[in-house]
Amino acid sequence: MTDTHNLTVTAIIPVLGDAEPLARLLKIFEGAIDAPEEIIVVDGSQNGECQSVCERYGCHYLSTRLGRGFQQNAGAAKATGKVLWFVHADATPAGNAAVLIRQAIASGSIGGYFRFHFAGPTNFMKELLEKLINFRTQYGTPYGDQGIFATQLAYTNIGGFPDLPIFEEVPLVRRLRCIGRFTELPAPIGVSQRRWQRDGWVRRTLKNRWLACCYLLGVSPDTLAQRYQPMSPVQRPPE
């Protein structure tokens, strides 16, 4: 087993002007039991507020063109950690998340992800969807909102994220699973519920499944991205 003290973790956070959620996430890292050694925020909107937040919390800020896959690859290229952890700005990770990542890598995994959990107060529909999503990800693909991580070596060997407008994590996870153990960690990561609240719990879930099925059937990610209604003027993949 590898010594966890040598497993430095770089958290890479792609943002699109998400200053408020970014500040909340960095506050969580600030109070974590054992935070990532390095944090890189990659902004696809060149937002001055996000840069100010990064300066406040002492993390690296990088401005790139729009595209979550491209942004995450750009962050990975600047990372010095042996483990890369890709975290959405509106995520709520556990305080010991980095510890669990190091333990998983030390035990022989090349990467993994956290269990899906809606942030905020719980209810029957949220609990049901959480169970269904966590069951699906055991056999299917966890998405980016579940805090995917991988060793720098494994990430480099598979070529990183493809530069796709949507579902960029699907090829990445498939390739990682082909070369080593890809582990589901026991701790949950809080996922923002705002899209489900806005569109309706059932409607949002069915739309996400419809998009995923279309992707698996070979529909172009560019076409799917055009059909997906974003939260802002820029395109965002489904979560």
Protein backbone atom coordinates (compact mmCIF):
# COMPACT_ATOMS: atom_id res chain seq x y z
CA MET A 1 0.00 0.00 0.00
CA THR A 2 1.27 3.46 -0.94
CA ASP A 3 1.98 5.96 1.82
CA THR A 4 -0.89 8.48 1.80
CA HIS A 5 1.46 11.27 2.92
CA ASN A 6 3.01 11.25 -0.56
CA LEU A 7 -0.34 11.49 -2.37
CA THR A 8 -0.83 15.19 -2.95
CA VAL A 9 -4.28 16.12 -4.24
CA THR A 10 -5.08 18.92 -6.68
CA ALA A 11 -8.73 20.01 -6.78
CA ILE A 12 -9.68 21.34 -10.22
CA ILE A 13 -12.87 23.44 -10.31
CA PRO A 14 -14.33 24.46 -13.69
CA VAL A 15 -16.53 27.55 -13.39
CA LEU A 16 -18.67 29.77 -15.60
CA GLY A 17 -18.98 32.87 -13.48
CA ASP A 18 -20.08 30.87 -10.43
CA ALA A 19 -18.67 33.29 -7.86
CA GLU A 20 -21.13 32.61 -5.01
CA PRO A 21 -21.07 28.78 -5.13
CA LEU A 22 -17.30 28.89 -5.67
CA ALA A 23 -16.87 30.94 -2.50
CA ARG A 24 -18.98 28.41 -0.56
CA LEU A 25 -16.92 25.50 -1.87
CA LEU A 26 -13.61 27.16 -1.06
CA LYS A 27 -14.93 27.90 2.43
CA ILE A 28 -15.61 24.15 2.84
CA PHE A 29 -12.06 23.36 1.76
CA GLU A 30 -10.73 25.97 4.19
CA GLY A 31 -12.41 24.18 7.09
CA ALA A 32 -11.76 20.63 5.89
CA ILE A 33 -10.03 18.01 8.02
CA ASP A 34 -7.33 17.57 5.39
CA ALA A 35 -7.87 19.82 2.39
CA PRO A 36 -6.37 19.36 -1.08
CA GLU A 37 -2.80 20.62 -1.23
CA GLU A 38 -3.58 22.61 -4.37
CA ILE A 39 -6.75 24.20 -5.76
CA ILE A 40 -7.03 25.38 -9.36
CA VAL A 41 -10.12 27.27 -10.54
CA VAL A 42 -10.57 27.31 -14.32
CA ASP A 43 -12.95 30.00 -15.53
CA GLY A 44 -14.59 29.73 -18.94
CA SER A 45 -16.28 33.13 -18.65
CA GLN A 46 -13.33 35.33 -17.61
CA ASN A 47 -15.31 36.56 -14.63
CA GLY A 48 -13.61 39.13 -12.42
CA GLU A 49 -15.67 38.10 -9.39
CA CYS A 50 -14.37 34.51 -9.56
CA GLN A 51 -10.82 35.79 -9.77
CA SER A 52 -11.40 37.93 -6.68
CA VAL A 53 -12.77 34.91 -4.80
CA CYS A 54 -9.65 32.94 -5.71
CA GLU A 55 -7.40 35.73 -4.50
CA ARG A 56 -9.34 35.83 -1.22
CA TYR A 57 -8.84 32.11 -0.60
CA GLY A 58 -5.32 31.88 -1.99
CA CYS A 59 -5.98 29.42 -4.82
CA HIS A 60 -4.87 29.45 -8.44
CA TYR A 61 -7.07 31.14 -11.05
CA LEU A 62 -6.90 30.23 -14.72
CA SER A 63 -8.96 31.76 -17.53
CA THR A 64 -9.68 29.68 -20.66
CA ARG A 65 -12.26 29.40 -23.40
CA LEU A 66 -15.63 27.88 -22.65
CA GLY A 67 -15.93 24.07 -22.46
CA ARG A 68 -15.90 22.00 -19.29
CA GLY A 69 -13.72 19.26 -20.75
CA PHE A 70 -11.26 21.82 -22.11
CA GLN A 71 -11.27 23.75 -18.84
CA GLN A 72 -10.55 20.63 -16.77
CA ASN A 73 -7.74 19.58 -19.10
CA ALA A 74 -6.25 23.06 -18.78
CA GLY A 75 -6.38 22.79 -15.01
CA ALA A 76 -4.83 19.33 -15.07
CA ALA A 77 -1.97 20.64 -17.23
CA LYS A 78 -1.10 23.14 -14.48
CA ALA A 79 -1.59 20.74 -11.57
CA THR A 80 1.33 19.53 -9.47
CA GLY A 81 -0.62 16.98 -7.38
CA LYS A 82 -0.27 13.24 -7.90
CA VAL A 83 -4.06 12.93 -7.75
CA LEU A 84 -6.49 15.09 -9.73
CA TRP A 85 -9.92 15.72 -8.25
CA PHE A 86 -12.51 17.39 -10.49
CA VAL A 87 -15.11 19.23 -8.43
CA HIS A 88 -18.10 21.29 -9.56
CA ALA A 89 -18.33 24.74 -7.98
CA ASP A 90 -21.79 24.05 -6.52
CA ALA A 91 -20.75 20.75 -4.93
CA THR A 92 -20.76 20.10 -1.18
CA PRO A 93 -17.99 17.57 -0.46
CA ALA A 94 -17.48 15.93 2.90
CA GLY A 95 -14.86 17.45 5.17
CA ASN A 96 -12.71 14.32 4.89
CA ALA A 97 -13.12 13.92 1.10
CA ALA A 98 -9.43 14.41 0.32
CA VAL A 99 -8.52 11.86 3.01
CA LEU A 100 -10.81 9.28 1.42
CA ILE A 101 -9.34 9.96 -2.01
CA ARG A 102 -5.81 9.40 -0.73
CA GLN A 103 -6.85 6.18 1.00
CA ALA A 104 -8.50 4.85 -2.16
CA ILE A 105 -5.41 5.56 -4.28
CA ALA A 106 -3.10 4.14 -1.61
CA SER A 107 -5.11 0.89 -1.63
CA GLY A 108 -4.60 0.41 -5.37
CA SER A 109 -7.36 2.35 -7.14
CA ILE A 110 -6.44 4.58 -10.08
CA GLY A 111 -9.50 6.76 -9.56
CA GLY A 112 -13.08 6.90 -8.44
CA TYR A 113 -16.04 9.04 -7.43
CA PHE A 114 -18.34 9.84 -4.50
CA ARG A 115 -21.89 8.68 -3.84
CA PHE A 116 -24.61 10.96 -5.21
CA HIS A 117 -26.54 12.96 -2.60
CA PHE A 118 -28.78 16.01 -3.04
CA ALA A 119 -27.68 18.95 -0.92
CA GLY A 120 -30.18 20.52 1.45
CA PRO A 121 -33.17 19.10 3.37
CA THR A 122 -34.26 15.63 2.35
CA ASN A 123 -37.63 14.33 1.17
CA PHE A 124 -39.06 11.14 -0.30
CA MET A 125 -38.45 12.05 -3.95
CA LYS A 126 -34.85 13.09 -3.32
CA GLU A 127 -34.10 9.90 -1.41
CA LEU A 128 -35.64 7.78 -4.16
CA LEU A 129 -33.67 9.49 -6.91
CA GLU A 130 -30.46 9.21 -4.89
CA LYS A 131 -30.92 5.45 -4.57
CA LEU A 132 -31.68 5.07 -8.27
CA ILE A 133 -28.72 7.20 -9.34
CA ASN A 134 -26.29 5.40 -7.02
CA PHE A 135 -27.55 2.04 -8.29
CA ARG A 136 -27.06 3.18 -11.89
CA THR A 137 -23.52 4.44 -11.32
CA GLN A 138 -22.40 1.06 -9.97
CA TYR A 139 -22.91 -0.35 -13.47
CA GLY A 140 -23.03 2.78 -15.61
CA THR A 141 -21.13 6.06 -15.61
CA PRO A 142 -20.95 8.52 -12.73
CA TYR A 143 -21.14 12.10 -13.95
CA GLY A 144 -18.94 15.04 -13.09
CA ASP A 145 -21.12 16.23 -10.22
CA GLN A 146 -19.99 13.14 -8.26
CA GLY A 147 -16.46 14.44 -7.81
CA ILE A 148 -14.49 12.21 -10.19
CA PHE A 149 -10.81 11.78 -9.33
CA ALA A 150 -7.84 9.98 -10.89
CA THR A 151 -4.11 9.71 -10.51
CA GLN A 152 -2.16 12.14 -12.63
CA LEU A 153 -0.47 9.19 -14.33
CA ALA A 154 -3.70 7.41 -15.25
CA TYR A 155 -5.29 10.65 -16.42
CA THR A 156 -2.32 11.39 -18.66
CA ASN A 157 -2.18 7.85 -20.04
CA ILE A 158 -5.79 7.97 -21.27
CA GLY A 159 -5.50 11.45 -22.73
CA GLY A 160 -7.69 13.33 -20.24
CA PHE A 161 -11.16 14.61 -21.06
CA PRO A 162 -12.37 14.76 -24.65
CA ASP A 163 -13.22 18.28 -25.79
CA LEU A 164 -16.99 17.73 -25.96
CA PRO A 165 -19.81 20.20 -25.17
CA ILE A 166 -21.67 17.60 -23.11
CA PHE A 167 -21.02 14.15 -21.53
CA GLU A 168 -17.27 14.77 -21.53
CA GLU A 169 -16.85 12.56 -18.46
CA VAL A 170 -18.31 9.43 -20.09
CA PRO A 171 -15.28 8.54 -22.28
CA LEU A 172 -12.94 9.48 -19.43
CA VAL A 173 -14.58 7.11 -16.94
CA ARG A 174 -14.79 4.29 -19.49
CA ARG A 175 -11.08 4.57 -20.27
CA LEU A 176 -10.13 4.69 -16.60
CA ARG A 177 -12.15 1.55 -15.88
CA CYS A 178 -10.31 -0.22 -18.69
CA ILE A 179 -6.88 0.34 -17.15
CA GLY A 180 -7.50 -0.11 -13.42
CA ARG A 181 -9.77 -0.10 -10.40
CA PHE A 182 -12.25 2.78 -10.40
CA THR A 183 -13.80 3.01 -6.94
CA GLU A 184 -17.03 4.37 -5.50
CA LEU A 185 -16.16 6.02 -2.19
CA PRO A 186 -18.53 5.47 0.76
CA ALA A 187 -19.00 9.17 1.50
CA PRO A 188 -21.59 11.26 -0.36
CA ILE A 189 -20.97 14.49 -2.21
CA GLY A 190 -23.74 17.07 -2.07
CA VAL A 191 -25.17 17.89 -5.51
CA SER A 192 -27.10 21.10 -6.15
CA GLN A 193 -30.82 20.49 -6.53
CA ARG A 194 -31.63 23.77 -8.32
CA ARG A 195 -32.18 22.20 -11.77
CA TRP A 196 -34.59 19.64 -10.37
CA GLN A 197 -36.44 22.30 -8.39
CA ARG A 198 -36.68 24.52 -11.44
CA ASP A 199 -37.84 21.87 -13.93
CA GLY A 200 -39.62 19.44 -11.59
CA TRP A 201 -38.08 16.31 -10.09
CA VAL A 202 -39.59 13.81 -12.51
CA ARG A 203 -39.27 15.98 -15.60
CA ARG A 204 -35.60 16.78 -14.97
CA THR A 205 -34.77 13.13 -14.29
CA LEU A 206 -36.53 11.93 -17.44
CA LYS A 207 -34.83 14.60 -19.53
CA ASN A 208 -31.41 13.62 -18.20
CA ARG A 209 -32.11 9.95 -19.00
CA TRP A 210 -33.37 10.88 -22.47
CA LEU A 211 -30.18 12.82 -23.20
CA ALA A 212 -28.04 9.94 -21.90
CA CYS A 213 -29.91 7.40 -24.05
CA CYS A 214 -29.52 9.59 -27.12
CA TYR A 215 -25.78 9.84 -26.44
CA LEU A 216 -25.47 6.06 -26.08
CA LEU A 217 -27.36 5.62 -29.35
CA GLY A 218 -24.81 7.76 -31.15
CA VAL A 219 -26.43 11.20 -31.29
CA SER A 220 -23.75 13.88 -31.61
CA PRO A 221 -22.84 15.66 -28.34
CA ASP A 222 -23.01 18.94 -30.29
CA THR A 223 -26.63 18.21 -31.22
CA LEU A 224 -27.50 17.22 -27.65
CA ALA A 225 -25.88 20.37 -26.26
CA GLN A 226 -28.06 22.49 -28.53
CA ARG A 227 -31.19 20.74 -27.23
CA TYR A 228 -30.23 21.11 -23.61
CA GLN A 229 -31.59 24.23 -21.93
CA PRO A 230 -28.80 25.86 -19.88
CA MET A 231 -29.07 27.79 -16.64
CA SER A 232 -27.33 30.77 -18.21
CA PRO A 233 -26.36 32.06 -21.68
CA VAL A 234 -23.64 29.41 -21.84
CA GLN A 235 -24.28 25.71 -22.37
CA ARG A 236 -24.02 23.45 -19.34
CA PRO A 237 -24.17 19.66 -19.37
CA PRO A 238 -26.91 17.87 -17.40
CA GLU A 239 -26.16 16.86 -13.83
